[in-house]
Structure formats: C-alpha cells, structure tokens
Amino acid sequence: MEKISGVDVQEHEKSKRILNIRLNNEIIEKLIFPFNKFDITALELKPFTRFTIAKSLDDLTDNKLSKLINSIIRDRSKGCLIIGPKNISSNINAEFLVKFSTAVSHLIGIPNHDNMTGKYYARFVVKHEDSSDSYLRKAYRNMDLHTDGTYVKEVTDWLLMTKIDEQNVQGGATAMLHLDDWEHCHELYNDPIGRQNFTWGSPKSKKVGYKVEHPVFSSDENGKPIISYIDQFPEPKNMEQGIFLQKLSDTLEESKNKIITKLPVGYSIIANNYFWLHGRQPFVENQNLLRELLRIRGKFSQN
C-alpha cells in the first residue's frame, strides 16, 4: 500500500478486513477554505459542487486518497474503512462533517436520492423517546445485521455513516459482519429458497411508494456470495420463505464473528454493501441520550 503524506493507515484493532484512515491536522485545516466556498444548500441543490469539494480533498493527498479508498471498498478481502481526523478541533462541527462526508462519498461514486429526506444524504437523531416506524431510531432495541437499499430500485453498492454528535451515551456500539466470516454463509447461500424472489416493502417514513422483488442471495462476477437483506422489510410469500428468513436472521445474530466497535464522533465508516452487513447494539436507557448520524449510500463511479 502506497504511503500518503499526512494520512495514517492502520488495520482496525478488531479486524484485518477494516482499515483505519486518519488525516492529520494540516489536511483538515487546508480543507476549511474550499469547504467554506459552498454552503450546505449549494451542495444540496447543485450536484457538481459536491465533486468540487471532493476534488479539493483528493488534491491535498496528490490524488492518492481516492485510489486508496476505492481499492479498499472494492476489495472482497477488506471492503470497509473508517476515516476521520487524527484530532478533533473546534473547526470540526456538524457543517464540516456534512461536507467531509460529501467529499469522501463523491470520491467513491454517486449517492442515491434519499426518499426519506429528499436529499442525497440523510441526517437523523436517536433519542430517548421515539414514535417512528423504524428500528433506526429505536434506541433501546437491537438493530439486527442488515444491508441497505433492499427496498429501492436504485443500485446500492456502498454505504457511508458519519457520527456527527453523541451525548449521554452508553452502549449503541456498531456491529459488523463480513459474509465470508459468517459460519452459515455456505449453507444458506446454497439453499434454493434464498435465490427465490422475495417481496420487499418499507414503512411510511421511508417515503417509497412501491415494492421491489429480488432474492436474498446472488453472486458477484467471481461467483462469490452477495446479499441484500434487512429483517424489517421482506414480505414472505409462503411458509418456506418465512422459515428461511427466520433461520437467516437467527444465524446472523448468533454469529461469533461479528465485529463490535465504537465509531468516534467525527468519523465515518464506509462499507461495501454486498458483502458487509451492519447493525447496532441497544443503548443503555438515559432520558438525555442523543446521537446524530449522517448517512449516504450509492453506486460506484464508472471510471
């Protein structure tokens, strides 16, 4: 792996499949000026401005950061990275993190339109009390391992999640599982039911007015398993599909190879959405609990 000035790259302490990328103070400080050129509204309304700030970030690493990130995310043996500043300073506020997440994601590809927010990204808060129809905001429930984009027509090659803020938080750690580390992958990938078309819907909060059909499992260009699955949205058509989904859910959650890690405030985790599943452990109850996250998901660039 080529060394990049101002960028520290190390294996994650929990998994050789995940790489930690930390940017030094000089790079972060040099981003302030180009980031200030565009406010958040400009980024939301003018898609080309997102590529402009992405190029500003890449230029500070002699255009090596984009190559590094893409080589990791597309690599079946890895496919996941955590990126952020070496040191959190007063300059690194919510607006900076929206712009930084935008820049990083546009080095990888094109974000999907997020129906929930009507933008290319979503920001959402997890609090003590919640009346939503999604596990995403249910602080005291386990969010089971899943992939994103199961219920939309858009291609979802990758997912980026940034932790913008966190207060009065215990628990809520991130859970990750690589398909090749899952003990029951071979068994369920080879079950014919997993190749049947399942119907996938979504709750009203997602603002997607259609359903899609696709199997849980398919194969990549090398014949290796890829998965598209979330526990809340499939609508089994018969007993066989229902029992298959129950076994899938149970064996994923019982896997001894899940990686449990805490994402620091100001950092983003980016994963290949075909062979990495992600989830979240429950929080410890606290009336003042607050976590704000940003999500971007999309498809790879073609060039």
Protein backbone atom coordinates (compact mmCIF):
# COMPACT_ATOMS: atom_id res chain seq x y z
CA MET A 1 0.00 0.00 0.00
CA GLU A 2 1.47 3.32 -1.11
CA LYS A 3 2.22 5.76 1.69
CA ILE A 4 0.30 9.06 1.54
CA SER A 5 1.70 12.21 3.14
CA GLY A 6 -0.49 13.39 6.01
CA VAL A 7 -2.54 10.20 6.02
CA ASP A 8 -2.12 7.42 8.58
CA VAL A 9 -3.44 3.99 7.54
CA GLN A 10 -3.62 1.10 10.00
CA GLU A 11 -5.54 -2.13 10.43
CA HIS A 12 -8.52 -1.89 12.75
CA GLU A 13 -7.86 -3.41 16.16
CA LYS A 14 -10.83 -5.80 15.77
CA SER A 15 -10.40 -6.92 12.16
CA LYS A 16 -7.80 -7.06 9.40
CA ARG A 17 -10.65 -6.52 6.95
CA ILE A 18 -11.26 -2.95 8.19
CA LEU A 19 -8.71 -0.16 7.73
CA ASN A 20 -8.50 2.99 9.85
CA ILE A 21 -7.58 6.13 7.89
CA ARG A 22 -6.69 9.24 9.89
CA LEU A 23 -6.00 12.63 8.32
CA ASN A 24 -3.52 14.94 10.03
CA ASN A 25 -4.23 18.49 11.18
CA GLU A 26 -2.63 20.10 8.14
CA ILE A 27 -5.00 18.38 5.70
CA ILE A 28 -8.05 19.20 7.84
CA GLU A 29 -7.03 22.87 8.15
CA LYS A 30 -6.45 23.16 4.41
CA LEU A 31 -9.98 21.87 3.78
CA ILE A 32 -11.57 24.78 5.64
CA PHE A 33 -11.14 27.29 2.79
CA PRO A 34 -12.52 25.16 -0.10
CA PHE A 35 -15.31 23.86 2.14
CA ASN A 36 -16.33 27.42 3.02
CA LYS A 37 -16.82 28.20 -0.67
CA PHE A 38 -20.12 26.28 -0.66
CA ASP A 39 -22.83 26.24 1.97
CA ILE A 40 -24.94 23.15 2.61
CA THR A 41 -27.80 24.45 0.44
CA ALA A 42 -25.46 24.80 -2.54
CA LEU A 43 -24.32 21.19 -2.09
CA GLU A 44 -27.94 20.02 -1.90
CA LEU A 45 -29.11 21.94 -4.99
CA LYS A 46 -26.02 21.84 -7.24
CA PRO A 47 -24.65 18.30 -7.59
CA PHE A 48 -21.44 19.44 -9.32
CA THR A 49 -20.37 21.36 -6.20
CA ARG A 50 -20.10 18.03 -4.36
CA PHE A 51 -17.46 16.88 -6.82
CA THR A 52 -15.64 20.19 -6.42
CA ILE A 53 -15.11 19.68 -2.69
CA ALA A 54 -14.26 16.01 -3.27
CA LYS A 55 -11.51 17.10 -5.67
CA SER A 56 -10.24 19.60 -3.07
CA LEU A 57 -9.83 16.76 -0.58
CA ASP A 58 -8.18 14.44 -3.09
CA ASP A 59 -5.78 17.16 -4.31
CA LEU A 60 -4.41 17.53 -0.76
CA THR A 61 -3.20 13.92 -0.98
CA ASP A 62 -1.84 14.19 -4.55
CA ASN A 63 -4.96 12.34 -5.70
CA LYS A 64 -3.92 9.24 -3.81
CA LEU A 65 -6.73 9.16 -1.25
CA SER A 66 -9.40 8.36 -3.84
CA LYS A 67 -7.31 5.46 -5.17
CA LEU A 68 -6.77 4.13 -1.65
CA ILE A 69 -10.42 4.34 -0.64
CA ASN A 70 -11.66 2.71 -3.84
CA SER A 71 -9.07 -0.07 -3.62
CA ILE A 72 -10.28 -0.90 -0.10
CA ILE A 73 -14.04 -0.71 -0.71
CA ARG A 74 -13.91 -2.84 -3.87
CA ASP A 75 -11.59 -5.45 -2.34
CA ARG A 76 -13.53 -8.56 -1.29
CA SER A 77 -10.96 -9.39 1.40
CA LYS A 78 -11.48 -5.99 3.04
CA GLY A 79 -14.32 -3.76 1.80
CA CYS A 80 -14.61 -1.50 4.83
CA LEU A 81 -12.81 1.56 6.22
CA ILE A 82 -13.16 4.11 8.99
CA ILE A 83 -11.98 7.62 8.11
CA GLY A 84 -11.68 10.85 10.03
CA PRO A 85 -9.39 13.49 11.53
CA LYS A 86 -6.48 12.50 13.77
CA ASN A 87 -7.51 15.27 16.17
CA ILE A 88 -10.95 16.75 16.72
CA SER A 89 -10.78 20.57 16.77
CA SER A 90 -13.33 23.38 17.01
CA ASN A 91 -13.35 23.57 13.20
CA ILE A 92 -14.86 20.10 13.01
CA ASN A 93 -18.53 20.89 13.56
CA ALA A 94 -21.70 19.42 12.05
CA GLU A 95 -21.44 21.52 8.88
CA PHE A 96 -17.84 20.47 8.33
CA LEU A 97 -18.78 16.80 8.80
CA VAL A 98 -21.60 17.03 6.24
CA LYS A 99 -19.12 18.48 3.75
CA PHE A 100 -16.39 16.00 4.62
CA SER A 101 -18.81 13.07 4.25
CA THR A 102 -19.97 14.51 0.94
CA ALA A 103 -16.38 14.82 -0.29
CA VAL A 104 -15.41 11.29 0.72
CA SER A 105 -18.56 9.74 -0.77
CA HIS A 106 -18.01 11.51 -4.10
CA LEU A 107 -14.53 10.02 -4.33
CA ILE A 108 -16.29 6.65 -4.41
CA GLY A 109 -19.33 7.27 -6.56
CA ILE A 110 -22.77 8.80 -6.93
CA PRO A 111 -25.14 8.93 -3.94
CA ASN A 112 -28.68 7.63 -4.25
CA HIS A 113 -31.56 10.05 -3.76
CA ASP A 114 -32.72 9.54 -0.17
CA ASN A 115 -36.53 9.50 -0.29
CA MET A 116 -36.77 9.90 3.47
CA THR A 117 -35.20 13.38 3.33
CA GLY A 118 -35.49 14.32 -0.35
CA LYS A 119 -31.72 14.88 -0.49
CA TYR A 120 -28.57 12.97 -1.40
CA TYR A 121 -27.98 12.32 2.30
CA ALA A 122 -29.98 11.83 5.49
CA ARG A 123 -29.34 13.22 8.96
CA PHE A 124 -31.25 11.66 11.81
CA VAL A 125 -31.24 11.74 15.59
CA VAL A 126 -31.63 8.84 18.02
CA LYS A 127 -33.18 9.97 21.32
CA HIS A 128 -34.72 8.56 24.50
CA GLU A 129 -38.27 8.79 23.18
CA ASP A 130 -39.32 7.97 19.63
CA SER A 131 -42.59 7.44 17.78
CA SER A 132 -41.17 6.46 14.37
CA ASP A 133 -41.96 3.26 12.48
CA SER A 134 -38.32 2.20 12.03
CA TYR A 135 -35.72 0.42 14.17
CA LEU A 136 -33.30 3.10 13.02
CA ARG A 137 -34.48 5.45 15.76
CA LYS A 138 -35.41 2.90 18.43
CA ALA A 139 -32.62 3.50 20.93
CA TYR A 140 -33.28 0.54 23.20
CA ARG A 141 -33.80 -2.16 20.59
CA ASN A 142 -31.10 -4.14 18.85
CA MET A 143 -30.79 -3.17 15.19
CA ASP A 144 -30.12 -6.55 13.60
CA LEU A 145 -27.45 -7.06 10.94
CA HIS A 146 -28.61 -5.94 7.52
CA THR A 147 -27.64 -4.30 4.24
CA ASP A 148 -29.06 -1.06 2.86
CA GLY A 149 -31.14 -0.38 -0.24
CA THR A 150 -33.16 -3.60 -0.06
CA TYR A 151 -36.46 -1.85 -0.80
CA VAL A 152 -35.45 0.63 -3.54
CA LYS A 153 -34.84 0.31 -7.28
CA GLU A 154 -31.52 2.20 -7.16
CA VAL A 155 -28.24 0.30 -7.12
CA THR A 156 -26.68 0.49 -3.64
CA ASP A 157 -23.02 -0.55 -3.89
CA TRP A 158 -21.77 1.17 -0.74
CA LEU A 159 -22.86 2.84 2.48
CA LEU A 160 -21.30 5.71 4.46
CA MET A 161 -22.31 6.55 8.05
CA THR A 162 -20.85 9.52 9.94
CA LYS A 163 -21.24 10.14 13.65
CA ILE A 164 -21.96 13.87 13.96
CA ASP A 165 -22.72 14.08 17.67
CA GLU A 166 -23.14 11.90 20.73
CA GLN A 167 -24.15 12.82 24.28
CA ASN A 168 -25.03 10.79 27.40
CA VAL A 169 -24.45 7.54 25.52
CA GLN A 170 -23.64 4.10 26.84
CA GLY A 171 -23.98 1.11 24.56
CA GLY A 172 -25.13 1.57 20.97
CA ALA A 173 -21.93 0.06 19.54
CA THR A 174 -21.74 -0.71 15.83
CA ALA A 175 -21.96 -4.37 14.78
CA MET A 176 -20.38 -5.52 11.51
CA LEU A 177 -20.14 -8.92 9.82
CA HIS A 178 -18.34 -9.85 6.60
CA LEU A 179 -20.18 -12.55 4.63
CA ASP A 180 -17.00 -14.64 4.30
CA ASP A 181 -16.70 -14.77 8.12
CA TRP A 182 -20.30 -15.87 8.71
CA GLU A 183 -20.40 -19.51 9.79
CA HIS A 184 -23.66 -20.31 7.94
CA CYS A 185 -22.97 -18.47 4.69
CA HIS A 186 -22.29 -21.58 2.58
CA GLU A 187 -25.39 -23.37 3.89
CA LEU A 188 -27.87 -20.55 3.33
CA TYR A 189 -26.28 -19.24 0.12
CA ASN A 190 -26.78 -22.71 -1.38
CA ASP A 191 -30.37 -23.04 -0.19
CA PRO A 192 -32.60 -22.62 -3.29
CA ILE A 193 -35.10 -20.55 -1.29
CA GLY A 194 -32.51 -17.81 -0.88
CA ARG A 195 -32.42 -17.47 -4.70
CA GLN A 196 -36.17 -17.03 -5.00
CA ASN A 197 -37.64 -13.58 -5.50
CA PHE A 198 -38.81 -12.04 -2.22
CA THR A 199 -41.11 -9.03 -1.99
CA TRP A 200 -39.56 -6.05 -0.16
CA GLY A 201 -41.61 -3.14 1.14
CA SER A 202 -40.87 -0.32 3.59
CA PRO A 203 -42.65 1.70 6.32
CA LYS A 204 -44.27 5.06 5.57
CA SER A 205 -41.34 7.04 6.98
CA LYS A 206 -39.15 5.84 4.10
CA LYS A 207 -41.46 7.61 1.60
CA VAL A 208 -41.01 4.92 -1.05
CA GLY A 209 -44.36 4.25 -2.72
CA TYR A 210 -43.54 0.94 -4.36
CA LYS A 211 -42.29 -2.55 -3.58
CA VAL A 212 -39.46 -4.44 -5.24
CA GLU A 213 -38.71 -8.10 -5.92
CA HIS A 214 -35.30 -9.68 -5.57
CA PRO A 215 -33.62 -12.68 -3.94
CA VAL A 216 -31.70 -12.54 -0.66
CA PHE A 217 -28.60 -14.08 -2.26
CA SER A 218 -26.92 -13.72 -5.61
CA SER A 219 -23.35 -13.99 -6.89
CA ASP A 220 -20.67 -11.50 -7.82
CA GLU A 221 -18.61 -11.69 -11.03
CA ASN A 222 -16.31 -14.22 -9.36
CA GLY A 223 -19.16 -16.46 -8.24
CA LYS A 224 -18.90 -15.44 -4.58
CA PRO A 225 -21.99 -14.79 -2.43
CA ILE A 226 -23.52 -11.33 -2.13
CA ILE A 227 -26.53 -10.48 0.00
CA SER A 228 -29.39 -7.97 0.05
CA TYR A 229 -31.31 -8.34 3.32
CA ILE A 230 -32.91 -6.46 6.19
CA ASP A 231 -35.19 -8.12 8.73
CA GLN A 232 -37.94 -5.47 8.85
CA PHE A 233 -38.89 -5.23 5.16
CA PRO A 234 -39.26 -8.65 3.46
CA GLU A 235 -42.82 -9.90 2.94
CA PRO A 236 -42.60 -13.72 2.71
CA LYS A 237 -44.94 -15.28 0.18
CA ASN A 238 -45.21 -18.67 1.89
CA MET A 239 -44.10 -20.78 4.86
CA GLU A 240 -40.82 -21.76 3.19
CA GLN A 241 -39.73 -18.15 2.71
CA GLY A 242 -40.79 -17.23 6.25
CA ILE A 243 -38.81 -20.06 7.85
CA PHE A 244 -35.80 -19.33 5.64
CA LEU A 245 -35.79 -15.69 6.78
CA GLN A 246 -36.06 -16.75 10.43
CA LYS A 247 -33.05 -19.05 10.09
CA LEU A 248 -31.13 -16.33 8.26
CA SER A 249 -31.91 -13.80 10.99
CA ASP A 250 -31.05 -16.18 13.84
CA THR A 251 -27.75 -17.35 12.41
CA LEU A 252 -26.60 -13.84 11.55
CA GLU A 253 -27.31 -12.54 15.06
CA GLU A 254 -25.73 -15.61 16.68
CA SER A 255 -22.51 -15.36 14.67
CA LYS A 256 -19.40 -15.42 16.83
CA ASN A 257 -17.53 -13.46 14.14
CA LYS A 258 -19.47 -10.22 14.48
CA ILE A 259 -17.21 -7.22 14.97
CA ILE A 260 -18.40 -4.90 17.74
CA THR A 261 -16.78 -1.47 17.58
CA LYS A 262 -17.42 2.11 18.68
CA LEU A 263 -17.29 4.76 15.97
CA PRO A 264 -15.80 8.01 17.36
CA VAL A 265 -17.58 11.33 16.87
CA GLY A 266 -16.28 12.96 13.68
CA TYR A 267 -15.54 9.66 11.94
CA SER A 268 -17.21 7.90 9.03
CA ILE A 269 -17.49 4.17 8.40
CA ILE A 270 -17.79 3.13 4.75
CA ALA A 271 -18.59 -0.43 3.72
CA ASN A 272 -19.25 -2.44 0.59
CA ASN A 273 -22.98 -3.13 0.74
CA TYR A 274 -22.79 -6.52 -0.96
CA PHE A 275 -20.69 -8.49 1.49
CA TRP A 276 -20.70 -6.42 4.69
CA LEU A 277 -23.74 -6.39 6.99
CA HIS A 278 -24.10 -3.77 9.72
CA GLY A 279 -26.23 -3.21 12.81
CA ARG A 280 -26.28 -1.53 16.20
CA GLN A 281 -26.47 -2.77 19.76
CA PRO A 282 -29.08 -1.25 22.13
CA PHE A 283 -28.24 1.84 24.16
CA VAL A 284 -28.37 1.98 27.94
CA GLU A 285 -31.53 3.88 28.86
CA ASN A 286 -30.94 7.57 29.53
CA GLN A 287 -33.50 10.37 29.23
CA ASN A 288 -30.81 12.73 27.90
CA LEU A 289 -29.45 10.31 25.28
CA LEU A 290 -28.61 11.89 21.93
CA ARG A 291 -26.86 10.56 18.85
CA GLU A 292 -26.87 12.27 15.48
CA LEU A 293 -25.81 10.36 12.38
CA LEU A 294 -25.43 11.15 8.70
CA ARG A 295 -25.99 8.52 6.03
CA ILE A 296 -25.05 8.50 2.35
CA ARG A 297 -25.41 5.43 0.14
CA GLY A 298 -24.94 4.99 -3.56
CA LYS A 299 -23.30 3.34 -6.53
CA PHE A 300 -19.69 3.21 -7.65
CA SER A 301 -18.32 5.61 -10.23
CA GLN A 302 -17.96 4.01 -13.63
CA ASN A 303 -14.48 5.39 -14.40
